Amino acid sequence: ETDWPPFNFFENDRPQGFSIDYMNLLASMIGVKVDYVTGPTWDEFLGLMKSGDLDVMVNIVKTPERQKYLLYTKPYAYNPNSILSRKGEIYQNLESLQGKTVAVPRGFFHEEILGKDFPRIKLHLVTNILEGMKAVAFGDADAAVGELAVFNYLLGRELMTDLVVSGELKLGSESFNQLRIAARKDLPVLAAILEKGM
């Protein structure tokens, strides 16, 4: 990804972050070379998996819809989902977002779960986490949802001092806090090798 720090981002002409380091270590353990694809949005990456143009994705959350076309490894990182809002407008939990406009990157699992199970939350779809944060800062959304480590990293980097992480987003399944590696469903041997390497 281009900008999902500290897990996966593109800087100094190369992919970087915890997920990239983990995938590189895993690749060395199982004896494969990784060709990283940088540039598409998260939603476009999911489309590349569906079309067979991409073999593996890192830092992906397991959801019912994605299980139709992906095979997952066990988790390699845990990262609580959280709510970001303007200072003085605190949303501490999912219930407090009812009737509010919430910025969500298109294709992120939050879109699937919130769109299906919480129809009273109005989704403001954006390209990435930083765009969602800006939507909150400029008043286009009441809040944004995302992973705690990513929000914390970007808040410091972008000097968005008017925004705060105001609550935890509990969506009903502990697996929504877990980052995994996924292979296409038509590559079960690759998925098994990745799991064994982990």
N, C-alpha and C. Protein backbone atom coordinates (compact mmCIF):
# COMPACT_ATOMS: atom_id res chain seq x y z
N GLU A 1 0.84 -1.18 0.00
CA GLU A 1 0.00 0.00 0.00
C GLU A 1 0.88 1.24 0.00
N THR A 2 0.32 2.36 -0.41
CA THR A 2 1.12 3.57 -0.46
C THR A 2 1.18 4.28 0.89
N ASP A 3 0.14 4.17 1.72
CA ASP A 3 0.12 4.98 2.93
C ASP A 3 -0.75 4.35 4.03
N TRP A 4 -0.27 3.23 4.60
CA TRP A 4 -0.95 2.61 5.74
C TRP A 4 0.10 2.30 6.82
N PRO A 5 0.82 3.36 7.26
CA PRO A 5 1.86 3.14 8.25
C PRO A 5 1.27 2.86 9.62
N PRO A 6 1.95 2.15 10.49
CA PRO A 6 3.31 1.63 10.37
C PRO A 6 3.39 0.24 9.74
N PHE A 7 2.27 -0.27 9.21
CA PHE A 7 2.24 -1.64 8.70
C PHE A 7 2.71 -1.77 7.25
N ASN A 8 2.24 -0.88 6.38
CA ASN A 8 2.45 -1.09 4.96
C ASN A 8 2.38 0.26 4.25
N PHE A 9 3.54 0.74 3.78
CA PHE A 9 3.57 2.02 3.09
C PHE A 9 4.74 2.04 2.11
N PHE A 10 4.75 3.04 1.24
CA PHE A 10 5.78 3.17 0.21
C PHE A 10 6.55 4.45 0.46
N GLU A 11 7.86 4.30 0.71
CA GLU A 11 8.69 5.45 1.02
C GLU A 11 10.11 5.15 0.57
N ASN A 12 10.82 6.18 0.12
CA ASN A 12 12.20 6.02 -0.37
C ASN A 12 12.27 4.96 -1.48
N ASP A 13 11.28 4.99 -2.36
CA ASP A 13 11.22 4.11 -3.54
C ASP A 13 11.10 2.63 -3.22
N ARG A 14 10.55 2.29 -2.05
CA ARG A 14 10.36 0.87 -1.75
C ARG A 14 9.25 0.66 -0.74
N PRO A 15 8.61 -0.52 -0.79
CA PRO A 15 7.61 -0.86 0.23
C PRO A 15 8.28 -1.01 1.59
N GLN A 16 7.59 -0.55 2.64
CA GLN A 16 8.15 -0.61 3.99
C GLN A 16 7.05 -0.86 5.00
N GLY A 17 7.46 -1.14 6.23
CA GLY A 17 6.52 -1.30 7.33
C GLY A 17 6.58 -2.69 7.92
N PHE A 18 5.88 -2.85 9.04
CA PHE A 18 5.89 -4.11 9.76
C PHE A 18 5.42 -5.28 8.89
N SER A 19 4.33 -5.09 8.15
CA SER A 19 3.80 -6.18 7.32
C SER A 19 4.78 -6.57 6.22
N ILE A 20 5.46 -5.59 5.66
CA ILE A 20 6.45 -5.86 4.60
C ILE A 20 7.63 -6.62 5.20
N ASP A 21 8.12 -6.17 6.36
CA ASP A 21 9.22 -6.87 7.02
C ASP A 21 8.83 -8.31 7.34
N TYR A 22 7.60 -8.49 7.82
CA TYR A 22 7.14 -9.83 8.17
C TYR A 22 7.06 -10.70 6.92
N MET A 23 6.50 -10.16 5.83
CA MET A 23 6.38 -10.94 4.59
C MET A 23 7.76 -11.28 4.02
N ASN A 24 8.71 -10.35 4.11
CA ASN A 24 10.07 -10.63 3.63
C ASN A 24 10.71 -11.76 4.44
N LEU A 25 10.52 -11.75 5.75
CA LEU A 25 11.06 -12.81 6.59
C LEU A 25 10.40 -14.14 6.25
N LEU A 26 9.09 -14.13 6.09
CA LEU A 26 8.36 -15.34 5.73
C LEU A 26 8.83 -15.87 4.37
N ALA A 27 9.01 -14.98 3.40
CA ALA A 27 9.46 -15.38 2.06
C ALA A 27 10.83 -16.04 2.13
N SER A 28 11.72 -15.51 2.96
CA SER A 28 13.06 -16.11 3.10
C SER A 28 12.97 -17.49 3.75
N MET A 29 12.00 -17.67 4.65
CA MET A 29 11.84 -18.97 5.33
C MET A 29 11.34 -20.04 4.37
N ILE A 30 10.46 -19.67 3.42
CA ILE A 30 9.86 -20.67 2.54
C ILE A 30 10.52 -20.70 1.16
N GLY A 31 11.48 -19.79 0.93
CA GLY A 31 12.26 -19.82 -0.30
C GLY A 31 11.55 -19.28 -1.52
N VAL A 32 10.82 -18.18 -1.36
CA VAL A 32 10.18 -17.54 -2.51
C VAL A 32 10.63 -16.09 -2.59
N LYS A 33 10.48 -15.51 -3.80
CA LYS A 33 10.77 -14.10 -4.01
C LYS A 33 9.44 -13.36 -4.12
N VAL A 34 9.35 -12.23 -3.45
CA VAL A 34 8.11 -11.44 -3.47
C VAL A 34 8.28 -10.27 -4.43
N ASP A 35 7.33 -10.13 -5.34
CA ASP A 35 7.25 -8.95 -6.19
C ASP A 35 6.08 -8.12 -5.68
N TYR A 36 6.39 -7.02 -5.00
CA TYR A 36 5.35 -6.18 -4.43
C TYR A 36 4.69 -5.33 -5.51
N VAL A 37 3.39 -5.17 -5.39
CA VAL A 37 2.62 -4.30 -6.27
C VAL A 37 2.22 -3.08 -5.45
N THR A 38 2.58 -1.90 -5.92
CA THR A 38 2.29 -0.66 -5.22
C THR A 38 1.49 0.25 -6.13
N GLY A 39 0.51 0.94 -5.57
CA GLY A 39 -0.23 1.92 -6.36
C GLY A 39 -1.73 1.80 -6.28
N PRO A 40 -2.29 0.59 -6.45
CA PRO A 40 -3.76 0.48 -6.39
C PRO A 40 -4.30 0.82 -5.00
N THR A 41 -5.57 1.19 -4.96
CA THR A 41 -6.25 1.39 -3.69
C THR A 41 -6.53 0.01 -3.09
N TRP A 42 -6.94 -0.01 -1.82
CA TRP A 42 -7.26 -1.29 -1.18
C TRP A 42 -8.37 -2.01 -1.94
N ASP A 43 -9.39 -1.27 -2.34
CA ASP A 43 -10.50 -1.85 -3.08
C ASP A 43 -10.02 -2.46 -4.40
N GLU A 44 -9.10 -1.77 -5.06
CA GLU A 44 -8.53 -2.30 -6.31
C GLU A 44 -7.69 -3.54 -6.05
N PHE A 45 -6.95 -3.57 -4.94
CA PHE A 45 -6.20 -4.78 -4.59
C PHE A 45 -7.13 -5.98 -4.45
N LEU A 46 -8.27 -5.79 -3.78
CA LEU A 46 -9.23 -6.89 -3.64
C LEU A 46 -9.72 -7.35 -5.01
N GLY A 47 -9.94 -6.41 -5.91
CA GLY A 47 -10.34 -6.75 -7.28
C GLY A 47 -9.27 -7.56 -8.00
N LEU A 48 -8.00 -7.23 -7.77
CA LEU A 48 -6.90 -7.98 -8.38
C LEU A 48 -6.84 -9.40 -7.85
N MET A 49 -7.18 -9.59 -6.58
CA MET A 49 -7.24 -10.95 -6.03
C MET A 49 -8.37 -11.73 -6.69
N LYS A 50 -9.52 -11.10 -6.84
CA LYS A 50 -10.68 -11.77 -7.45
C LYS A 50 -10.40 -12.14 -8.90
N SER A 51 -9.69 -11.27 -9.63
CA SER A 51 -9.43 -11.52 -11.05
C SER A 51 -8.26 -12.47 -11.29
N GLY A 52 -7.50 -12.80 -10.24
CA GLY A 52 -6.36 -13.70 -10.39
C GLY A 52 -5.08 -12.99 -10.76
N ASP A 53 -5.05 -11.65 -10.71
CA ASP A 53 -3.85 -10.90 -11.08
C ASP A 53 -2.91 -10.65 -9.90
N LEU A 54 -3.34 -11.04 -8.71
CA LEU A 54 -2.53 -10.91 -7.51
C LEU A 54 -2.66 -12.21 -6.73
N ASP A 55 -1.56 -12.69 -6.15
CA ASP A 55 -1.58 -13.98 -5.48
C ASP A 55 -1.81 -13.90 -3.98
N VAL A 56 -1.23 -12.87 -3.34
CA VAL A 56 -1.21 -12.79 -1.88
C VAL A 56 -1.45 -11.34 -1.46
N MET A 57 -2.14 -11.17 -0.34
CA MET A 57 -2.27 -9.86 0.30
C MET A 57 -1.84 -9.97 1.75
N VAL A 58 -1.17 -8.92 2.23
CA VAL A 58 -0.78 -8.86 3.64
C VAL A 58 -1.71 -7.90 4.37
N ASN A 59 -1.61 -7.89 5.68
CA ASN A 59 -2.41 -7.07 6.59
C ASN A 59 -3.89 -6.99 6.19
N ILE A 60 -4.48 -8.17 6.06
CA ILE A 60 -5.88 -8.24 5.68
C ILE A 60 -6.69 -8.87 6.81
N VAL A 61 -7.90 -8.36 7.00
CA VAL A 61 -8.81 -8.85 8.04
C VAL A 61 -9.75 -9.87 7.42
N LYS A 62 -9.99 -10.93 8.15
CA LYS A 62 -10.87 -12.02 7.69
C LYS A 62 -12.33 -11.63 7.90
N THR A 63 -13.10 -11.63 6.80
CA THR A 63 -14.54 -11.33 6.88
C THR A 63 -15.32 -12.41 6.13
N PRO A 64 -16.61 -12.52 6.40
CA PRO A 64 -17.43 -13.52 5.69
C PRO A 64 -17.40 -13.34 4.17
N GLU A 65 -17.50 -12.12 3.69
CA GLU A 65 -17.52 -11.87 2.25
C GLU A 65 -16.19 -12.25 1.60
N ARG A 66 -15.09 -11.90 2.23
CA ARG A 66 -13.76 -12.19 1.68
C ARG A 66 -13.44 -13.68 1.71
N GLN A 67 -14.03 -14.41 2.65
CA GLN A 67 -13.77 -15.85 2.72
C GLN A 67 -14.30 -16.59 1.48
N LYS A 68 -15.14 -15.94 0.72
CA LYS A 68 -15.66 -16.56 -0.50
C LYS A 68 -14.57 -16.73 -1.56
N TYR A 69 -13.52 -15.88 -1.51
CA TYR A 69 -12.49 -15.95 -2.54
C TYR A 69 -11.06 -15.94 -2.00
N LEU A 70 -10.89 -15.95 -0.66
CA LEU A 70 -9.55 -15.93 -0.07
C LEU A 70 -9.37 -17.03 0.96
N LEU A 71 -8.13 -17.49 1.09
CA LEU A 71 -7.72 -18.42 2.15
C LEU A 71 -6.76 -17.66 3.06
N TYR A 72 -6.96 -17.77 4.36
CA TYR A 72 -6.22 -16.96 5.33
C TYR A 72 -5.24 -17.79 6.14
N THR A 73 -4.14 -17.11 6.52
CA THR A 73 -3.22 -17.69 7.50
C THR A 73 -3.75 -17.33 8.89
N LYS A 74 -3.07 -17.85 9.89
CA LYS A 74 -3.34 -17.40 11.26
C LYS A 74 -2.90 -15.93 11.36
N PRO A 75 -3.33 -15.20 12.39
CA PRO A 75 -2.94 -13.79 12.53
C PRO A 75 -1.45 -13.64 12.81
N TYR A 76 -0.88 -12.54 12.34
CA TYR A 76 0.51 -12.22 12.67
C TYR A 76 0.61 -10.89 13.42
N ALA A 77 -0.48 -10.15 13.52
CA ALA A 77 -0.48 -8.89 14.28
C ALA A 77 -1.90 -8.63 14.78
N TYR A 78 -1.97 -7.94 15.90
CA TYR A 78 -3.25 -7.58 16.51
C TYR A 78 -3.29 -6.06 16.63
N ASN A 79 -4.38 -5.46 16.21
CA ASN A 79 -4.47 -4.01 16.18
C ASN A 79 -5.92 -3.60 16.42
N PRO A 80 -6.23 -3.05 17.58
CA PRO A 80 -7.63 -2.70 17.86
C PRO A 80 -8.20 -1.70 16.86
N ASN A 81 -9.44 -1.88 16.53
CA ASN A 81 -10.15 -0.92 15.69
C ASN A 81 -10.59 0.24 16.59
N SER A 82 -10.55 1.43 16.03
CA SER A 82 -10.84 2.60 16.86
C SER A 82 -11.63 3.64 16.09
N ILE A 83 -12.09 4.62 16.85
CA ILE A 83 -12.90 5.72 16.33
C ILE A 83 -12.09 7.01 16.47
N LEU A 84 -12.02 7.77 15.40
CA LEU A 84 -11.31 9.05 15.39
C LEU A 84 -12.34 10.16 15.25
N SER A 85 -12.21 11.21 16.05
CA SER A 85 -13.15 12.32 15.97
C SER A 85 -12.44 13.64 16.27
N ARG A 86 -13.17 14.73 16.12
CA ARG A 86 -12.62 16.04 16.49
C ARG A 86 -12.63 16.17 18.01
N LYS A 87 -11.67 16.91 18.54
CA LYS A 87 -11.65 17.18 19.97
C LYS A 87 -12.96 17.85 20.35
N GLY A 88 -13.55 17.43 21.44
CA GLY A 88 -14.81 18.00 21.89
C GLY A 88 -16.04 17.32 21.31
N GLU A 89 -15.83 16.41 20.36
CA GLU A 89 -16.94 15.63 19.78
C GLU A 89 -16.55 14.15 19.87
N ILE A 90 -16.68 13.60 21.06
CA ILE A 90 -16.17 12.27 21.36
C ILE A 90 -17.23 11.19 21.07
N TYR A 91 -16.80 10.15 20.37
CA TYR A 91 -17.63 8.97 20.12
C TYR A 91 -16.87 7.78 20.69
N GLN A 92 -17.34 7.28 21.83
CA GLN A 92 -16.59 6.26 22.55
C GLN A 92 -16.85 4.84 22.10
N ASN A 93 -17.97 4.62 21.39
CA ASN A 93 -18.30 3.25 21.01
C ASN A 93 -19.21 3.24 19.79
N LEU A 94 -19.51 2.06 19.33
CA LEU A 94 -20.32 1.87 18.14
C LEU A 94 -21.70 2.50 18.28
N GLU A 95 -22.29 2.37 19.44
CA GLU A 95 -23.63 2.91 19.66
C GLU A 95 -23.66 4.43 19.48
N SER A 96 -22.59 5.10 19.87
CA SER A 96 -22.56 6.57 19.76
C SER A 96 -22.45 7.04 18.31
N LEU A 97 -22.15 6.14 17.38
CA LEU A 97 -22.04 6.50 15.96
C LEU A 97 -23.37 6.40 15.22
N GLN A 98 -24.41 5.86 15.87
CA GLN A 98 -25.71 5.72 15.23
C GLN A 98 -26.21 7.10 14.79
N GLY A 99 -26.63 7.21 13.53
CA GLY A 99 -27.12 8.47 12.99
C GLY A 99 -26.03 9.45 12.57
N LYS A 100 -24.78 9.06 12.71
CA LYS A 100 -23.66 9.92 12.35
C LYS A 100 -23.07 9.53 10.99
N THR A 101 -22.29 10.44 10.41
CA THR A 101 -21.57 10.18 9.17
C THR A 101 -20.15 9.75 9.52
N VAL A 102 -19.77 8.59 9.03
CA VAL A 102 -18.48 7.99 9.39
C VAL A 102 -17.65 7.75 8.13
N ALA A 103 -16.43 8.26 8.12
CA ALA A 103 -15.51 8.08 7.00
C ALA A 103 -14.89 6.68 7.07
N VAL A 104 -14.96 5.97 5.94
CA VAL A 104 -14.44 4.61 5.84
C VAL A 104 -13.77 4.45 4.48
N PRO A 105 -12.53 3.95 4.42
CA PRO A 105 -11.92 3.69 3.13
C PRO A 105 -12.68 2.60 2.36
N ARG A 106 -12.94 2.86 1.10
CA ARG A 106 -13.65 1.92 0.24
C ARG A 106 -12.88 0.59 0.17
N GLY A 107 -13.60 -0.50 0.41
CA GLY A 107 -12.99 -1.83 0.35
C GLY A 107 -12.46 -2.33 1.68
N PHE A 108 -12.26 -1.42 2.67
CA PHE A 108 -11.83 -1.86 3.99
C PHE A 108 -12.96 -2.69 4.61
N PHE A 109 -12.62 -3.62 5.48
CA PHE A 109 -13.63 -4.50 6.05
C PHE A 109 -14.69 -3.71 6.82
N HIS A 110 -14.35 -2.53 7.31
CA HIS A 110 -15.32 -1.70 8.03
C HIS A 110 -16.53 -1.40 7.15
N GLU A 111 -16.29 -1.16 5.86
CA GLU A 111 -17.39 -0.88 4.93
C GLU A 111 -18.36 -2.06 4.88
N GLU A 112 -17.81 -3.27 4.77
CA GLU A 112 -18.65 -4.48 4.71
C GLU A 112 -19.48 -4.65 5.98
N ILE A 113 -18.83 -4.57 7.14
CA ILE A 113 -19.52 -4.85 8.40
C ILE A 113 -20.49 -3.73 8.77
N LEU A 114 -20.04 -2.48 8.72
CA LEU A 114 -20.92 -1.37 9.09
C LEU A 114 -22.08 -1.25 8.10
N GLY A 115 -21.80 -1.40 6.81
CA GLY A 115 -22.84 -1.27 5.79
C GLY A 115 -23.92 -2.33 5.91
N LYS A 116 -23.53 -3.53 6.34
CA LYS A 116 -24.48 -4.64 6.43
C LYS A 116 -25.21 -4.66 7.78
N ASP A 117 -24.48 -4.48 8.84
CA ASP A 117 -25.04 -4.70 10.18
C ASP A 117 -25.48 -3.43 10.92
N PHE A 118 -25.08 -2.26 10.42
CA PHE A 118 -25.39 -1.02 11.13
C PHE A 118 -25.92 0.04 10.16
N PRO A 119 -27.13 -0.17 9.65
CA PRO A 119 -27.67 0.72 8.61
C PRO A 119 -27.92 2.16 9.08
N ARG A 120 -27.97 2.40 10.38
CA ARG A 120 -28.21 3.76 10.87
C ARG A 120 -26.94 4.61 10.87
N ILE A 121 -25.80 4.01 10.54
CA ILE A 121 -24.56 4.77 10.40
C ILE A 121 -24.40 5.10 8.92
N LYS A 122 -24.27 6.39 8.60
CA LYS A 122 -24.09 6.82 7.21
C LYS A 122 -22.61 6.74 6.86
N LEU A 123 -22.28 5.97 5.83
CA LEU A 123 -20.88 5.81 5.43
C LEU A 123 -20.47 6.89 4.44
N HIS A 124 -19.35 7.50 4.72
CA HIS A 124 -18.72 8.48 3.82
C HIS A 124 -17.48 7.77 3.27
N LEU A 125 -17.58 7.20 2.06
CA LEU A 125 -16.49 6.38 1.52
C LEU A 125 -15.38 7.26 0.97
N VAL A 126 -14.15 6.90 1.35
CA VAL A 126 -12.96 7.65 0.95
C VAL A 126 -11.94 6.67 0.35
N THR A 127 -10.86 7.21 -0.18
CA THR A 127 -9.84 6.39 -0.84
C THR A 127 -8.93 5.68 0.15
N ASN A 128 -8.56 6.38 1.24
CA ASN A 128 -7.62 5.80 2.21
C ASN A 128 -7.84 6.42 3.59
N ILE A 129 -7.09 5.95 4.57
CA ILE A 129 -7.24 6.40 5.95
C ILE A 129 -6.99 7.90 6.08
N LEU A 130 -5.94 8.41 5.45
CA LEU A 130 -5.62 9.83 5.57
C LEU A 130 -6.75 10.69 5.01
N GLU A 131 -7.35 10.28 3.90
CA GLU A 131 -8.48 11.02 3.34
C GLU A 131 -9.66 11.01 4.33
N GLY A 132 -9.85 9.89 5.01
CA GLY A 132 -10.91 9.81 6.03
C GLY A 132 -10.64 10.75 7.20
N MET A 133 -9.39 10.83 7.62
CA MET A 133 -9.02 11.73 8.70
C MET A 133 -9.27 13.18 8.31
N LYS A 134 -8.93 13.52 7.06
CA LYS A 134 -9.17 14.88 6.57
C LYS A 134 -10.67 15.17 6.50
N ALA A 135 -11.48 14.18 6.15
CA ALA A 135 -12.93 14.38 6.11
C ALA A 135 -13.46 14.77 7.48
N VAL A 136 -12.91 14.17 8.53
CA VAL A 136 -13.31 14.53 9.89
C VAL A 136 -12.80 15.93 10.23
N ALA A 137 -11.54 16.19 9.93
CA ALA A 137 -10.95 17.49 10.25
C ALA A 137 -11.70 18.65 9.60
N PHE A 138 -12.17 18.43 8.36
CA PHE A 138 -12.83 19.51 7.62
C PHE A 138 -14.34 19.47 7.71
N GLY A 139 -14.89 18.57 8.56
CA GLY A 139 -16.32 18.56 8.82
C GLY A 139 -17.18 17.81 7.83
N ASP A 140 -16.58 17.04 6.92
CA ASP A 140 -17.37 16.24 5.97
C ASP A 140 -17.87 14.95 6.60
N ALA A 141 -17.29 14.56 7.73
CA ALA A 141 -17.72 13.36 8.47
C ALA A 141 -17.61 13.67 9.96
N ASP A 142 -18.45 13.01 10.74
CA ASP A 142 -18.40 13.19 12.19
C ASP A 142 -17.24 12.43 12.81
N ALA A 143 -16.92 11.29 12.22
CA ALA A 143 -15.88 10.42 12.75
C ALA A 143 -15.29 9.60 11.62
N ALA A 144 -14.18 8.96 11.90
CA ALA A 144 -13.57 8.00 10.99
C ALA A 144 -13.29 6.73 11.79
N VAL A 145 -13.27 5.59 11.13
CA VAL A 145 -12.91 4.35 11.80
C VAL A 145 -11.69 3.75 11.13
N GLY A 146 -10.86 3.09 11.93
CA GLY A 146 -9.65 2.49 11.42
C GLY A 146 -8.87 1.83 12.53
N GLU A 147 -7.67 1.40 12.20
CA GLU A 147 -6.83 0.69 13.15
C GLU A 147 -6.05 1.68 14.01
N LEU A 148 -5.96 1.38 15.30
CA LEU A 148 -5.36 2.28 16.28
C LEU A 148 -3.93 2.69 15.91
N ALA A 149 -3.08 1.73 15.57
CA ALA A 149 -1.68 2.05 15.28
C ALA A 149 -1.56 2.97 14.07
N VAL A 150 -2.42 2.78 13.08
CA VAL A 150 -2.38 3.61 11.87
C VAL A 150 -2.81 5.04 12.22
N PHE A 151 -3.91 5.19 12.95
CA PHE A 151 -4.34 6.53 13.36
C PHE A 151 -3.24 7.23 14.16
N ASN A 152 -2.68 6.54 15.14
CA ASN A 152 -1.65 7.16 15.98
C ASN A 152 -0.45 7.62 15.16
N TYR A 153 -0.01 6.80 14.21
CA TYR A 153 1.13 7.15 13.37
C TYR A 153 0.81 8.39 12.54
N LEU A 154 -0.34 8.37 11.88
CA LEU A 154 -0.69 9.47 10.98
C LEU A 154 -1.01 10.76 11.74
N LEU A 155 -1.59 10.67 12.93
CA LEU A 155 -1.84 11.87 13.73
C LEU A 155 -0.54 12.62 14.02
N GLY A 156 0.51 11.86 14.36
CA GLY A 156 1.80 12.48 14.62
C GLY A 156 2.45 13.01 13.36
N ARG A 157 2.43 12.24 12.30
CA ARG A 157 3.09 12.64 11.05
C ARG A 157 2.42 13.86 10.41
N GLU A 158 1.09 13.89 10.44
CA GLU A 158 0.35 14.95 9.75
C GLU A 158 0.05 16.15 10.64
N LEU A 159 0.43 16.08 11.92
CA LEU A 159 0.22 17.16 12.88
C LEU A 159 -1.25 17.59 12.95
N MET A 160 -2.14 16.60 12.95
CA MET A 160 -3.57 16.87 13.03
C MET A 160 -3.97 16.97 14.51
N THR A 161 -3.62 18.08 15.12
CA THR A 161 -3.81 18.23 16.56
C THR A 161 -5.26 18.47 16.96
N ASP A 162 -6.14 18.69 15.99
CA ASP A 162 -7.56 18.89 16.31
C ASP A 162 -8.33 17.57 16.36
N LEU A 163 -7.65 16.44 16.06
CA LEU A 163 -8.30 15.14 16.05
C LEU A 163 -7.78 14.27 17.19
N VAL A 164 -8.64 13.36 17.69
CA VAL A 164 -8.25 12.44 18.76
C VAL A 164 -8.84 11.06 18.49
N VAL A 165 -8.16 10.04 18.97
CA VAL A 165 -8.74 8.71 19.01
C VAL A 165 -9.67 8.72 20.22
N SER A 166 -10.97 8.59 19.96
CA SER A 166 -11.94 8.83 21.03
C SER A 166 -12.59 7.57 21.59
N GLY A 167 -12.44 6.43 20.91
CA GLY A 167 -13.06 5.22 21.43
C GLY A 167 -12.64 3.99 20.65
N GLU A 168 -12.99 2.85 21.21
CA GLU A 168 -12.72 1.57 20.55
C GLU A 168 -13.94 1.15 19.76
N LEU A 169 -13.70 0.65 18.56
CA LEU A 169 -14.78 0.17 17.70
C LEU A 169 -14.86 -1.35 17.83
N LYS A 170 -15.81 -1.82 18.62
CA LYS A 170 -15.98 -3.25 18.83
C LYS A 170 -17.08 -3.73 17.89
N LEU A 171 -16.71 -4.58 16.94
CA LEU A 171 -17.65 -5.01 15.90
C LEU A 171 -18.17 -6.42 16.09
N GLY A 172 -17.92 -7.02 17.25
CA GLY A 172 -18.54 -8.29 17.57
C GLY A 172 -17.68 -9.52 17.37
N SER A 173 -16.54 -9.38 16.70
CA SER A 173 -15.67 -10.54 16.49
C SER A 173 -14.23 -10.13 16.76
N GLU A 174 -13.54 -10.89 17.57
CA GLU A 174 -12.14 -10.63 17.87
C GLU A 174 -11.28 -10.71 16.61
N SER A 175 -11.73 -11.49 15.61
CA SER A 175 -10.94 -11.63 14.37
C SER A 175 -10.84 -10.32 13.60
N PHE A 176 -11.72 -9.37 13.87
CA PHE A 176 -11.65 -8.07 13.19
C PHE A 176 -10.50 -7.22 13.69
N ASN A 177 -9.83 -7.64 14.77
CA ASN A 177 -8.64 -6.95 15.28
C ASN A 177 -7.35 -7.65 14.83
N GLN A 178 -7.47 -8.66 14.00
CA GLN A 178 -6.32 -9.48 13.65
C GLN A 178 -5.92 -9.28 12.19
N LEU A 179 -4.63 -9.01 11.97
CA LEU A 179 -4.11 -8.88 10.62
C LEU A 179 -3.54 -10.23 10.19
N ARG A 180 -3.88 -10.63 8.98
CA ARG A 180 -3.47 -11.93 8.44
C ARG A 180 -2.87 -11.76 7.05
N ILE A 181 -2.39 -12.86 6.52
CA ILE A 181 -1.98 -12.94 5.12
C ILE A 181 -3.03 -13.80 4.43
N ALA A 182 -3.39 -13.42 3.21
CA ALA A 182 -4.39 -14.20 2.47
C ALA A 182 -3.87 -14.53 1.09
N ALA A 183 -4.19 -15.73 0.63
CA ALA A 183 -3.91 -16.16 -0.74
C ALA A 183 -5.24 -16.39 -1.44
N ARG A 184 -5.20 -16.37 -2.76
CA ARG A 184 -6.42 -16.66 -3.52
C ARG A 184 -6.90 -18.07 -3.21
N LYS A 185 -8.19 -18.28 -3.30
CA LYS A 185 -8.77 -19.58 -2.97
C LYS A 185 -8.32 -20.68 -3.92
N ASP A 186 -7.91 -20.30 -5.15
CA ASP A 186 -7.43 -21.31 -6.10
C ASP A 186 -5.95 -21.63 -5.91
N LEU A 187 -5.35 -21.13 -4.82
CA LEU A 187 -3.94 -21.42 -4.51
C LEU A 187 -3.82 -22.03 -3.11
N PRO A 188 -4.49 -23.17 -2.87
CA PRO A 188 -4.47 -23.74 -1.52
C PRO A 188 -3.09 -24.22 -1.08
N VAL A 189 -2.27 -24.66 -2.01
CA VAL A 189 -0.92 -25.12 -1.64
C VAL A 189 -0.09 -23.93 -1.16
N LEU A 190 -0.19 -22.81 -1.86
CA LEU A 190 0.53 -21.61 -1.43
C LEU A 190 0.06 -21.17 -0.05
N ALA A 191 -1.24 -21.18 0.18
CA ALA A 191 -1.78 -20.80 1.49
C ALA A 191 -1.23 -21.71 2.59
N ALA A 192 -1.15 -23.01 2.30
CA ALA A 192 -0.64 -23.97 3.29
C ALA A 192 0.85 -23.75 3.55
N ILE A 193 1.62 -23.43 2.51
CA ILE A 193 3.05 -23.17 2.67
C ILE A 193 3.26 -21.92 3.52
N LEU A 194 2.48 -20.87 3.25
CA LEU A 194 2.59 -19.64 4.04
C LEU A 194 2.30 -19.94 5.51
N GLU A 195 1.24 -20.68 5.75
CA GLU A 195 0.87 -21.04 7.13
C GLU A 195 1.99 -21.82 7.81
N LYS A 196 2.55 -22.79 7.11
CA LYS A 196 3.63 -23.60 7.68
C LYS A 196 4.86 -22.77 7.95
N GLY A 197 5.17 -21.84 7.03
CA GLY A 197 6.31 -20.95 7.24
C GLY A 197 6.15 -20.06 8.46
N MET A 198 4.92 -19.63 8.70
CA MET A 198 4.66 -18.81 9.89
C MET A 198 4.92 -19.61 11.16
